Amino acid sequence: MKTHPTWLLIALLLSGCATLFPPQAVTNAALSDPSQKFAPTQSVDLLEAPPKQPFIKIARMETLGNEEVMSEVFLIEDMRATAREIGAQAIIVPYGRVRKFTPDGIHWLLQGDAIRYQ
């Protein structure tokens, strides 16, 4: 059976659709005190509630992922990477992700606080 070139082109385009929109996330941090700078950290603890030991909140964080993000872990790891850059030692993420509907489509939103232990 001979395959028509048009059908082959359509099949190639459709098979590529899954890779046109890979999972993506971006994290923004609103620093509590922008004049206070910390050296980047090597690791960031993930907490669901504030720790018992004393700490200071250094930023409010928000991670927005596109519709293709199927795991909350993907969002948390993006948040953790940004937290390392700003010098956080832990992030408190008690809320879980929520769906956000925007004119651009459906997005996943995760919020948390970046902290340093005292």
N, C-alpha and C. Protein backbone atom coordinates (compact mmCIF):
# COMPACT_ATOMS: atom_id res chain seq x y z
N MET A 1 0.84 -1.18 0.00
CA MET A 1 0.00 0.00 0.00
C MET A 1 0.89 1.24 0.00
N LYS A 2 0.58 2.16 -0.85
CA LYS A 2 1.37 3.38 -0.97
C LYS A 2 0.80 4.45 -0.03
N THR A 3 1.69 5.09 0.74
CA THR A 3 1.27 6.15 1.66
C THR A 3 1.36 7.49 0.95
N HIS A 4 0.29 8.21 1.01
CA HIS A 4 0.24 9.52 0.37
C HIS A 4 1.08 10.50 1.19
N PRO A 5 1.91 11.36 0.55
CA PRO A 5 2.78 12.28 1.28
C PRO A 5 2.03 13.23 2.21
N THR A 6 0.80 13.62 1.86
CA THR A 6 0.03 14.52 2.72
C THR A 6 -0.30 13.84 4.05
N TRP A 7 -0.68 12.58 4.00
CA TRP A 7 -0.99 11.86 5.25
C TRP A 7 0.25 11.69 6.10
N LEU A 8 1.38 11.48 5.47
CA LEU A 8 2.63 11.34 6.21
C LEU A 8 2.96 12.65 6.92
N LEU A 9 2.77 13.76 6.24
CA LEU A 9 3.03 15.07 6.84
C LEU A 9 2.09 15.32 8.01
N ILE A 10 0.83 14.99 7.87
CA ILE A 10 -0.15 15.17 8.95
C ILE A 10 0.23 14.30 10.14
N ALA A 11 0.63 13.07 9.91
CA ALA A 11 1.02 12.17 10.99
C ALA A 11 2.24 12.71 11.73
N LEU A 12 3.20 13.24 11.00
CA LEU A 12 4.39 13.80 11.64
C LEU A 12 4.05 15.03 12.48
N LEU A 13 3.17 15.87 11.95
CA LEU A 13 2.77 17.06 12.71
C LEU A 13 2.02 16.68 13.98
N LEU A 14 1.11 15.72 13.87
CA LEU A 14 0.34 15.31 15.05
C LEU A 14 1.22 14.64 16.09
N SER A 15 2.19 13.85 15.66
CA SER A 15 3.07 13.20 16.63
C SER A 15 3.96 14.21 17.33
N GLY A 16 4.22 15.33 16.70
CA GLY A 16 5.04 16.37 17.30
C GLY A 16 4.29 17.28 18.24
N CYS A 17 2.96 17.22 18.24
CA CYS A 17 2.16 18.12 19.08
C CYS A 17 2.47 17.93 20.57
N ALA A 18 2.77 16.73 20.98
CA ALA A 18 3.05 16.49 22.39
C ALA A 18 4.30 17.22 22.83
N THR A 19 5.22 17.47 21.92
CA THR A 19 6.45 18.15 22.31
C THR A 19 6.40 19.65 22.03
N LEU A 20 5.33 20.14 21.39
CA LEU A 20 5.23 21.57 21.14
C LEU A 20 5.02 22.35 22.43
N PHE A 21 4.34 21.76 23.38
CA PHE A 21 4.04 22.43 24.63
C PHE A 21 4.52 21.60 25.81
N PRO A 22 5.83 21.58 26.07
CA PRO A 22 6.34 20.80 27.20
C PRO A 22 5.96 21.49 28.51
N PRO A 23 6.02 20.75 29.62
CA PRO A 23 5.74 21.37 30.91
C PRO A 23 6.72 22.52 31.17
N GLN A 24 6.19 23.64 31.59
CA GLN A 24 7.02 24.80 31.90
C GLN A 24 6.51 25.46 33.16
N ALA A 25 7.41 26.05 33.91
CA ALA A 25 7.03 26.77 35.12
C ALA A 25 7.95 27.97 35.29
N VAL A 26 7.44 28.98 35.95
CA VAL A 26 8.25 30.15 36.29
C VAL A 26 7.91 30.53 37.73
N THR A 27 8.95 30.85 38.50
CA THR A 27 8.76 31.23 39.90
C THR A 27 9.19 32.67 40.09
N ASN A 28 8.35 33.43 40.76
CA ASN A 28 8.66 34.81 41.13
C ASN A 28 8.74 34.89 42.64
N ALA A 29 9.64 35.73 43.12
CA ALA A 29 9.81 35.91 44.56
C ALA A 29 9.72 37.39 44.90
N ALA A 30 8.86 37.72 45.84
CA ALA A 30 8.77 39.08 46.36
C ALA A 30 9.54 39.09 47.67
N LEU A 31 10.73 39.70 47.65
CA LEU A 31 11.58 39.71 48.83
C LEU A 31 10.96 40.53 49.95
N SER A 32 11.04 40.02 51.16
CA SER A 32 10.51 40.75 52.32
C SER A 32 11.29 42.04 52.53
N ASP A 33 12.60 41.99 52.38
CA ASP A 33 13.45 43.16 52.52
C ASP A 33 14.48 43.13 51.39
N PRO A 34 14.19 43.81 50.27
CA PRO A 34 15.09 43.76 49.11
C PRO A 34 16.51 44.25 49.39
N SER A 35 16.70 45.02 50.45
CA SER A 35 18.04 45.50 50.77
C SER A 35 18.89 44.42 51.44
N GLN A 36 18.25 43.37 51.92
CA GLN A 36 18.95 42.29 52.61
C GLN A 36 19.26 41.18 51.59
N LYS A 37 20.54 40.92 51.38
CA LYS A 37 20.97 39.90 50.41
C LYS A 37 21.60 38.71 51.14
N PHE A 38 21.33 37.51 50.63
CA PHE A 38 21.90 36.28 51.19
C PHE A 38 22.62 35.53 50.07
N ALA A 39 23.65 34.82 50.46
CA ALA A 39 24.38 33.99 49.50
C ALA A 39 23.48 32.82 49.09
N PRO A 40 23.61 32.37 47.84
CA PRO A 40 22.82 31.19 47.42
C PRO A 40 23.11 29.98 48.31
N THR A 41 22.12 29.15 48.48
CA THR A 41 22.26 27.95 49.31
C THR A 41 22.38 26.72 48.43
N GLN A 42 22.92 25.64 49.00
CA GLN A 42 23.09 24.38 48.27
C GLN A 42 21.82 23.54 48.28
N SER A 43 21.07 23.62 49.39
CA SER A 43 19.84 22.81 49.49
C SER A 43 18.77 23.63 50.20
N VAL A 44 17.52 23.27 49.90
CA VAL A 44 16.36 23.96 50.48
C VAL A 44 15.39 22.89 50.98
N ASP A 45 15.10 22.94 52.28
CA ASP A 45 14.13 22.01 52.87
C ASP A 45 12.73 22.34 52.37
N LEU A 46 11.91 21.32 52.23
CA LEU A 46 10.51 21.50 51.87
C LEU A 46 9.67 21.23 53.11
N LEU A 47 8.92 22.24 53.56
CA LEU A 47 8.09 22.14 54.75
C LEU A 47 6.63 22.38 54.40
N GLU A 48 5.73 21.72 55.13
CA GLU A 48 4.30 21.95 54.92
C GLU A 48 3.73 22.92 55.96
N ALA A 49 4.49 23.16 57.01
CA ALA A 49 4.07 24.08 58.08
C ALA A 49 5.31 24.79 58.61
N PRO A 50 5.13 25.93 59.28
CA PRO A 50 6.29 26.62 59.83
C PRO A 50 7.06 25.72 60.80
N PRO A 51 8.39 25.81 60.80
CA PRO A 51 9.18 24.97 61.70
C PRO A 51 9.08 25.44 63.14
N LYS A 52 9.42 24.57 64.07
CA LYS A 52 9.39 24.93 65.49
C LYS A 52 10.56 25.84 65.86
N GLN A 53 11.68 25.71 65.15
CA GLN A 53 12.83 26.56 65.43
C GLN A 53 12.62 27.96 64.86
N PRO A 54 13.29 28.96 65.43
CA PRO A 54 13.12 30.34 64.96
C PRO A 54 13.56 30.50 63.51
N PHE A 55 12.85 31.36 62.77
CA PHE A 55 13.17 31.61 61.37
C PHE A 55 12.71 33.01 60.99
N ILE A 56 13.23 33.47 59.86
CA ILE A 56 12.74 34.72 59.28
C ILE A 56 12.24 34.42 57.87
N LYS A 57 11.18 35.09 57.50
CA LYS A 57 10.64 34.95 56.15
C LYS A 57 11.39 35.93 55.26
N ILE A 58 12.01 35.41 54.20
CA ILE A 58 12.77 36.30 53.33
C ILE A 58 12.04 36.62 52.02
N ALA A 59 11.02 35.82 51.69
CA ALA A 59 10.28 36.12 50.45
C ALA A 59 8.97 35.36 50.40
N ARG A 60 8.04 35.96 49.69
CA ARG A 60 6.78 35.29 49.31
C ARG A 60 7.00 34.80 47.90
N MET A 61 6.70 33.53 47.66
CA MET A 61 7.00 32.94 46.36
C MET A 61 5.72 32.44 45.68
N GLU A 62 5.77 32.50 44.36
CA GLU A 62 4.64 32.05 43.56
C GLU A 62 5.18 31.39 42.30
N THR A 63 4.75 30.16 42.06
CA THR A 63 5.17 29.43 40.86
C THR A 63 3.96 29.19 39.99
N LEU A 64 4.10 29.54 38.73
CA LEU A 64 3.02 29.38 37.76
C LEU A 64 3.49 28.39 36.69
N GLY A 65 2.71 27.33 36.49
CA GLY A 65 3.06 26.33 35.50
C GLY A 65 1.99 26.26 34.42
N ASN A 66 2.40 25.86 33.22
CA ASN A 66 1.42 25.75 32.15
C ASN A 66 0.55 24.51 32.34
N GLU A 67 -0.43 24.37 31.47
CA GLU A 67 -1.42 23.29 31.59
C GLU A 67 -0.79 21.90 31.50
N GLU A 68 0.38 21.81 30.87
CA GLU A 68 1.03 20.51 30.67
C GLU A 68 1.71 19.98 31.93
N VAL A 69 1.81 20.80 32.97
CA VAL A 69 2.42 20.36 34.22
C VAL A 69 1.46 19.39 34.90
N MET A 70 1.84 18.15 34.98
CA MET A 70 0.97 17.12 35.54
C MET A 70 1.31 16.78 36.98
N SER A 71 2.37 17.37 37.51
CA SER A 71 2.81 17.01 38.86
C SER A 71 3.11 18.26 39.68
N GLU A 72 2.65 18.26 40.90
CA GLU A 72 2.97 19.34 41.83
C GLU A 72 4.46 19.37 42.11
N VAL A 73 5.11 18.22 42.02
CA VAL A 73 6.55 18.13 42.26
C VAL A 73 7.31 19.02 41.27
N PHE A 74 6.88 19.06 40.03
CA PHE A 74 7.51 19.91 39.01
C PHE A 74 7.49 21.37 39.47
N LEU A 75 6.36 21.82 39.99
CA LEU A 75 6.23 23.20 40.47
C LEU A 75 7.10 23.44 41.70
N ILE A 76 7.10 22.49 42.62
CA ILE A 76 7.89 22.62 43.85
C ILE A 76 9.38 22.71 43.51
N GLU A 77 9.84 21.89 42.59
CA GLU A 77 11.27 21.91 42.25
C GLU A 77 11.67 23.22 41.58
N ASP A 78 10.78 23.81 40.79
CA ASP A 78 11.07 25.12 40.21
C ASP A 78 11.14 26.17 41.31
N MET A 79 10.22 26.10 42.27
CA MET A 79 10.22 27.03 43.40
C MET A 79 11.49 26.85 44.22
N ARG A 80 11.88 25.60 44.45
CA ARG A 80 13.08 25.31 45.24
C ARG A 80 14.33 25.89 44.57
N ALA A 81 14.41 25.81 43.24
CA ALA A 81 15.57 26.35 42.52
C ALA A 81 15.68 27.87 42.72
N THR A 82 14.56 28.56 42.64
CA THR A 82 14.56 30.01 42.87
C THR A 82 14.90 30.32 44.32
N ALA A 83 14.39 29.52 45.24
CA ALA A 83 14.68 29.72 46.66
C ALA A 83 16.18 29.59 46.94
N ARG A 84 16.83 28.63 46.30
CA ARG A 84 18.29 28.48 46.46
C ARG A 84 19.00 29.75 46.00
N GLU A 85 18.57 30.30 44.87
CA GLU A 85 19.20 31.50 44.31
C GLU A 85 19.12 32.70 45.25
N ILE A 86 18.01 32.83 45.98
CA ILE A 86 17.85 33.99 46.87
C ILE A 86 18.36 33.73 48.28
N GLY A 87 18.92 32.53 48.52
CA GLY A 87 19.53 32.24 49.81
C GLY A 87 18.61 31.64 50.85
N ALA A 88 17.49 31.09 50.43
CA ALA A 88 16.57 30.46 51.40
C ALA A 88 17.14 29.12 51.86
N GLN A 89 16.80 28.75 53.08
CA GLN A 89 17.19 27.45 53.62
C GLN A 89 16.01 26.47 53.62
N ALA A 90 14.80 27.02 53.46
CA ALA A 90 13.60 26.18 53.40
C ALA A 90 12.49 26.96 52.71
N ILE A 91 11.52 26.20 52.21
CA ILE A 91 10.29 26.81 51.70
C ILE A 91 9.12 26.15 52.42
N ILE A 92 8.16 26.97 52.79
CA ILE A 92 6.93 26.47 53.42
C ILE A 92 5.85 26.53 52.35
N VAL A 93 5.34 25.36 51.97
CA VAL A 93 4.34 25.26 50.91
C VAL A 93 3.14 24.49 51.48
N PRO A 94 2.25 25.18 52.20
CA PRO A 94 1.13 24.48 52.83
C PRO A 94 -0.12 24.33 51.97
N TYR A 95 -0.19 25.02 50.86
CA TYR A 95 -1.47 25.15 50.16
C TYR A 95 -1.75 24.11 49.10
N GLY A 96 -0.73 23.56 48.48
CA GLY A 96 -0.94 22.70 47.33
C GLY A 96 -1.19 23.56 46.11
N ARG A 97 -1.27 22.93 44.96
CA ARG A 97 -1.45 23.72 43.74
C ARG A 97 -2.94 23.94 43.47
N VAL A 98 -3.22 25.02 42.78
CA VAL A 98 -4.59 25.34 42.39
C VAL A 98 -4.61 25.65 40.90
N ARG A 99 -5.74 25.43 40.29
CA ARG A 99 -5.90 25.77 38.88
C ARG A 99 -6.27 27.22 38.75
N LYS A 100 -5.68 27.87 37.77
CA LYS A 100 -5.96 29.28 37.52
C LYS A 100 -6.35 29.42 36.05
N PHE A 101 -7.50 30.00 35.80
CA PHE A 101 -7.97 30.20 34.44
C PHE A 101 -7.65 31.63 34.02
N THR A 102 -6.92 31.78 32.92
CA THR A 102 -6.54 33.09 32.41
C THR A 102 -6.89 33.15 30.93
N PRO A 103 -6.83 34.34 30.33
CA PRO A 103 -7.07 34.43 28.89
C PRO A 103 -6.09 33.58 28.07
N ASP A 104 -4.91 33.29 28.64
CA ASP A 104 -3.90 32.47 27.95
C ASP A 104 -4.17 30.98 28.08
N GLY A 105 -5.12 30.60 28.91
CA GLY A 105 -5.42 29.18 29.12
C GLY A 105 -5.41 28.80 30.59
N ILE A 106 -5.29 27.53 30.83
CA ILE A 106 -5.29 27.01 32.20
C ILE A 106 -3.85 26.94 32.69
N HIS A 107 -3.63 27.39 33.92
CA HIS A 107 -2.31 27.35 34.53
C HIS A 107 -2.44 26.74 35.92
N TRP A 108 -1.32 26.24 36.43
CA TRP A 108 -1.26 25.74 37.80
C TRP A 108 -0.50 26.76 38.63
N LEU A 109 -0.99 27.03 39.83
CA LEU A 109 -0.39 28.03 40.71
C LEU A 109 -0.03 27.38 42.04
N LEU A 110 1.19 27.64 42.50
CA LEU A 110 1.66 27.15 43.79
C LEU A 110 2.27 28.32 44.54
N GLN A 111 1.88 28.50 45.80
CA GLN A 111 2.41 29.62 46.59
C GLN A 111 3.09 29.09 47.84
N GLY A 112 4.09 29.84 48.29
CA GLY A 112 4.82 29.45 49.49
C GLY A 112 5.67 30.59 50.01
N ASP A 113 6.35 30.33 51.12
CA ASP A 113 7.24 31.32 51.73
C ASP A 113 8.64 30.76 51.78
N ALA A 114 9.62 31.60 51.43
CA ALA A 114 11.04 31.24 51.56
C ALA A 114 11.52 31.74 52.91
N ILE A 115 12.24 30.88 53.63
CA ILE A 115 12.68 31.25 54.98
C ILE A 115 14.17 30.95 55.18
N ARG A 116 14.71 31.58 56.22
CA ARG A 116 16.06 31.24 56.72
C ARG A 116 15.93 30.98 58.21
N TYR A 117 16.65 29.96 58.66
CA TYR A 117 16.64 29.63 60.08
C TYR A 117 17.51 30.64 60.83
N GLN A 118 17.13 30.92 62.08
CA GLN A 118 17.92 31.84 62.90
C GLN A 118 18.78 31.08 63.88
